[in-house]
């Protein structure tokens, strides 16, 4: 067996195992580590194919900047508040595995109908050298023939970022909301007790006024209780959400 074929199977096998680990890992950080391992082994395969620029971009862009961006937004999500697996819509539980099986069959058919080794298309070493190298050939293809496909793939990152924000935003808004009883409006410093043994300000008020306050009691949600002020001789009852 040739050395290049041996290294190809080694790098490809590690990439597949790391990809499976990335999917089945429960901890998002562990999934990110498996993703880094997958990207590095894929970059090694690109080096074997003579695409040095693509291998460098794989490590610098994906294993570096993109992975850091993904981890940044994963940290915004509380794993305890994520929806349980299998708890989605019944249609999703049926369509999801079905699409996975179809994709697996397509990949298996593509592998079975193509040669394991050899050159595909006109990407021969002579043609690549004629256009100025693999970097020049890659640039010509990505900005001409595959421009639309490249832009569509880039939307995957945007979808991940938006999804992380949507999952994290309701929790953050809930932490910032507080409840205030309008029947106990926030007063001034004069309405506070004067000392540890002092009576509460409400005991000095007339009992009829106290009954009127209790009759009009209302609970609202505010973002900052300290910004809410009212008129009356009683401090507010604030319950943190």
Protein backbone atom coordinates (compact mmCIF):
# COMPACT_ATOMS: atom_id res chain seq x y z
CA UNK A 1 0.00 0.00 0.00
CA UNK A 2 1.34 3.41 -0.95
CA UNK A 3 2.13 5.90 1.81
CA UNK A 4 -0.19 8.54 0.41
CA UNK A 5 -3.13 6.12 0.45
CA UNK A 6 -2.28 5.08 4.01
CA UNK A 7 -2.21 8.70 5.20
CA UNK A 8 -5.45 9.38 3.36
CA UNK A 9 -7.26 6.56 5.16
CA UNK A 10 -5.74 7.64 8.47
CA UNK A 11 -6.76 11.28 8.13
CA UNK A 12 -10.16 10.39 6.69
CA UNK A 13 -10.91 7.88 9.46
CA UNK A 14 -9.99 10.33 12.21
CA UNK A 15 -12.10 13.01 10.54
CA UNK A 16 -15.14 10.72 10.44
CA UNK A 17 -14.74 9.66 14.08
CA UNK A 18 -14.28 13.26 15.20
CA UNK A 19 -17.34 14.32 13.20
CA UNK A 20 -19.44 11.66 14.93
CA UNK A 21 -18.09 12.77 18.31
CA UNK A 22 -18.99 16.36 17.51
CA UNK A 23 -22.62 15.38 16.86
CA UNK A 24 -23.15 13.04 19.83
CA UNK A 25 -21.26 15.08 22.47
CA UNK A 26 -23.61 16.66 25.01
CA UNK A 27 -21.23 19.43 26.09
CA UNK A 28 -20.96 22.21 23.47
CA UNK A 29 -17.29 22.77 24.32
CA UNK A 30 -16.52 19.09 23.71
CA UNK A 31 -18.33 19.33 20.38
CA UNK A 32 -16.14 22.30 19.48
CA UNK A 33 -12.98 20.31 20.29
CA UNK A 34 -14.13 17.47 18.04
CA UNK A 35 -14.86 20.03 15.34
CA UNK A 36 -11.29 21.37 15.58
CA UNK A 37 -9.95 17.83 15.19
CA UNK A 38 -12.14 17.30 12.13
CA UNK A 39 -11.00 20.54 10.52
CA UNK A 40 -7.30 19.83 11.08
CA UNK A 41 -7.53 16.37 9.54
CA UNK A 42 -9.49 17.76 6.61
CA UNK A 43 -6.74 20.34 6.13
CA UNK A 44 -4.24 17.49 6.01
CA UNK A 45 -6.21 15.89 3.18
CA UNK A 46 -6.17 19.19 1.30
CA UNK A 47 -2.37 19.31 1.64
CA UNK A 48 -2.15 15.81 0.16
CA UNK A 49 -4.25 17.00 -2.78
CA UNK A 50 -1.90 19.91 -3.42
CA UNK A 51 -4.33 22.62 -2.22
CA UNK A 52 -2.06 24.31 0.31
CA UNK A 53 -4.00 27.57 0.33
CA UNK A 54 -7.29 25.78 1.00
CA UNK A 55 -5.65 23.85 3.86
CA UNK A 56 -4.33 27.06 5.41
CA UNK A 57 -7.74 28.73 5.07
CA UNK A 58 -9.35 25.70 6.69
CA UNK A 59 -7.14 26.04 9.77
CA UNK A 60 -7.00 29.84 10.04
CA UNK A 61 -10.58 30.74 9.14
CA UNK A 62 -12.65 27.79 10.32
CA UNK A 63 -10.57 26.33 13.15
CA UNK A 64 -9.71 29.85 14.31
CA UNK A 65 -12.12 32.70 13.71
CA UNK A 66 -15.34 30.82 12.96
CA UNK A 67 -14.93 28.37 15.84
CA UNK A 68 -14.28 31.21 18.30
CA UNK A 69 -17.43 32.93 17.01
CA UNK A 70 -19.45 29.75 17.51
CA UNK A 71 -18.15 29.28 21.05
CA UNK A 72 -18.92 32.90 21.85
CA UNK A 73 -22.58 32.44 20.99
CA UNK A 74 -22.75 29.00 22.58
CA UNK A 75 -21.73 30.59 25.86
CA UNK A 76 -24.80 32.85 25.62
CA UNK A 77 -27.06 29.80 25.75
CA UNK A 78 -27.91 28.13 29.05
CA UNK A 79 -27.82 24.37 28.39
CA UNK A 80 -30.38 23.83 31.16
CA UNK A 81 -33.01 25.82 29.25
CA UNK A 82 -32.56 24.13 25.88
CA UNK A 83 -35.51 22.11 24.55
CA UNK A 84 -35.33 18.40 25.19
CA UNK A 85 -34.38 16.05 22.40
CA UNK A 86 -37.39 14.60 20.67
CA UNK A 87 -39.66 17.29 22.09
CA UNK A 88 -40.28 19.08 18.83
CA UNK A 89 -43.19 18.91 16.44
CA UNK A 90 -44.27 15.37 15.44
CA UNK A 91 -43.60 16.21 11.79
CA UNK A 92 -39.99 17.04 12.66
CA UNK A 93 -39.48 13.67 14.32
CA UNK A 94 -40.59 11.97 11.10
CA UNK A 95 -39.08 14.22 8.44
CA UNK A 96 -35.70 14.61 10.19
CA UNK A 97 -34.65 10.93 10.16
CA UNK A 98 -36.13 10.53 6.68
CA UNK A 99 -33.98 13.35 5.29
CA UNK A 100 -30.95 11.89 7.06
CA UNK A 101 -31.46 8.50 5.43
CA UNK A 102 -31.91 10.11 2.00
CA UNK A 103 -28.70 12.11 2.42
CA UNK A 104 -26.82 9.00 3.54
CA UNK A 105 -28.02 7.07 0.49
CA UNK A 106 -26.97 9.92 -1.81
CA UNK A 107 -23.47 10.01 -0.32
CA UNK A 108 -23.17 6.22 -0.57
CA UNK A 109 -24.28 6.27 -4.21
CA UNK A 110 -21.83 9.06 -5.03
CA UNK A 111 -18.96 7.13 -3.44
CA UNK A 112 -19.90 3.90 -5.20
CA UNK A 113 -20.10 5.52 -8.65
CA UNK A 114 -16.78 7.41 -8.50
CA UNK A 115 -13.23 6.20 -8.65
CA UNK A 116 -11.27 6.15 -5.40
CA UNK A 117 -8.13 7.54 -6.99
CA UNK A 118 -7.41 9.57 -10.08
CA UNK A 119 -8.14 13.04 -11.36
CA UNK A 120 -11.69 14.32 -11.57
CA UNK A 121 -12.49 16.84 -14.30
CA UNK A 122 -9.77 19.03 -15.76
CA UNK A 123 -8.02 19.76 -12.44
CA UNK A 124 -4.79 18.12 -13.52
CA UNK A 125 -1.42 19.28 -12.17
CA UNK A 126 -0.56 20.63 -15.61
CA UNK A 127 -3.71 22.75 -15.87
CA UNK A 128 -3.33 24.05 -12.31
CA UNK A 129 0.26 25.05 -12.99
CA UNK A 130 -0.84 26.72 -16.22
CA UNK A 131 -3.30 29.09 -14.46
CA UNK A 132 -0.73 30.04 -11.81
CA UNK A 133 -1.12 27.45 -9.06
CA UNK A 134 -3.83 26.05 -6.82
CA UNK A 135 -4.54 29.42 -5.18
CA UNK A 136 -5.25 31.11 -8.51
CA UNK A 137 -7.38 28.21 -9.71
CA UNK A 138 -9.34 28.18 -6.46
CA UNK A 139 -9.98 31.92 -6.66
CA UNK A 140 -11.17 31.72 -10.25
CA UNK A 141 -13.67 29.00 -9.42
CA UNK A 142 -15.04 30.43 -6.18
CA UNK A 143 -15.71 33.88 -7.65
CA UNK A 144 -17.07 32.75 -11.02
CA UNK A 145 -18.65 29.32 -11.26
CA UNK A 146 -19.39 28.75 -7.56
CA UNK A 147 -20.07 32.33 -6.40
CA UNK A 148 -23.76 31.77 -5.60
CA UNK A 149 -23.04 28.48 -3.83
CA UNK A 150 -20.32 30.14 -1.76
CA UNK A 151 -22.70 32.91 -0.64
CA UNK A 152 -25.42 30.40 0.28
CA UNK A 153 -23.01 28.38 2.41
CA UNK A 154 -21.93 31.54 4.22
CA UNK A 155 -25.53 31.98 5.40
CA UNK A 156 -25.10 28.93 7.63
CA UNK A 157 -22.90 30.97 9.97
CA UNK A 158 -25.44 33.78 10.06
CA UNK A 159 -28.25 31.34 10.86
CA UNK A 160 -26.21 29.92 13.76
CA UNK A 161 -25.58 33.38 15.18
CA UNK A 162 -29.25 34.39 14.89
CA UNK A 163 -30.35 31.11 16.47
CA UNK A 164 -28.06 31.60 19.46
CA UNK A 165 -29.39 35.12 19.97
CA UNK A 166 -33.01 33.93 19.78
CA UNK A 167 -32.35 31.20 22.36
CA UNK A 168 -30.51 33.52 24.74
CA UNK A 169 -32.63 36.67 24.45
CA UNK A 170 -35.83 35.54 26.29
CA UNK A 171 -33.80 34.37 29.28
CA UNK A 172 -31.90 37.65 29.51
CA UNK A 173 -35.12 39.67 29.27
CA UNK A 174 -36.69 37.56 32.00
CA UNK A 175 -33.79 38.28 34.33
CA UNK A 176 -34.23 42.03 33.83
CA UNK A 177 -37.96 42.09 34.65
CA UNK A 178 -39.21 42.78 38.18
CA UNK A 179 -42.65 43.02 39.75
CA UNK A 180 -43.86 46.10 41.60
CA UNK A 181 -47.07 46.50 43.55
CA UNK A 182 -48.75 49.74 42.58
CA UNK A 183 -50.65 49.60 45.84
CA UNK A 184 -47.35 50.28 47.61
CA UNK A 185 -45.82 53.11 45.58
CA UNK A 186 -42.18 53.96 46.02
CA UNK A 187 -41.86 57.02 48.25
CA UNK A 188 -39.12 59.43 49.19
CA UNK A 189 -36.52 59.07 51.91
CA UNK A 190 -38.97 60.63 54.39
CA UNK A 191 -41.24 57.63 53.98
CA UNK A 192 -38.58 55.19 55.19
CA UNK A 193 -38.29 54.09 58.84
CA UNK A 194 -36.01 56.30 60.89
CA UNK A 195 -34.16 53.51 62.66
CA UNK A 196 -34.12 49.82 63.58
CA UNK A 197 -36.78 50.26 66.23
CA UNK A 198 -38.95 52.69 64.35
CA UNK A 199 -42.42 51.77 63.22
CA UNK A 200 -43.14 51.26 59.54
CA UNK A 201 -44.42 54.42 57.79
CA UNK A 202 -47.73 52.74 56.95
CA UNK A 203 -48.67 52.53 60.64
CA UNK A 204 -48.77 56.31 60.82
CA UNK A 205 -51.26 56.60 58.02
CA UNK A 206 -54.97 56.70 58.40
CA UNK A 207 -56.57 53.27 58.24
CA UNK A 208 -59.11 54.43 55.67
CA UNK A 209 -56.28 55.54 53.37
CA UNK A 210 -54.62 52.17 53.92
CA UNK A 211 -57.81 50.36 52.93
CA UNK A 212 -58.06 52.50 49.80
CA UNK A 213 -54.50 51.60 48.86
CA UNK A 214 -55.19 47.90 49.29
CA UNK A 215 -58.34 48.17 47.19
CA UNK A 216 -56.41 49.66 44.27
CA UNK A 217 -53.49 47.27 44.54
CA UNK A 218 -52.06 46.27 41.14
CA UNK A 219 -48.98 44.33 40.06
CA UNK A 220 -46.92 45.35 37.03
CA UNK A 221 -43.65 44.27 35.40
CA UNK A 222 -40.86 46.81 35.04
CA UNK A 223 -37.27 46.52 33.89
CA UNK A 224 -35.79 48.69 36.67
CA UNK A 225 -37.76 49.10 39.92
CA UNK A 226 -35.53 51.97 41.01
CA UNK A 227 -36.76 54.09 38.12
CA UNK A 228 -40.38 53.73 39.19
CA UNK A 229 -41.62 56.36 41.69
CA UNK A 230 -45.07 57.10 43.06
CA UNK A 231 -46.81 59.42 45.49
CA UNK A 232 -47.69 58.04 48.89
CA UNK A 233 -46.17 57.41 52.25
CA UNK A 234 -45.23 53.78 51.72
CA UNK A 235 -42.26 52.07 50.18
CA UNK A 236 -42.71 49.64 47.29
CA UNK A 237 -42.85 45.88 47.53
CA UNK A 238 -40.39 44.68 44.90
CA UNK A 239 -40.20 41.03 43.96
CA UNK A 240 -37.32 40.10 41.76
CA UNK A 241 -38.28 37.91 38.81
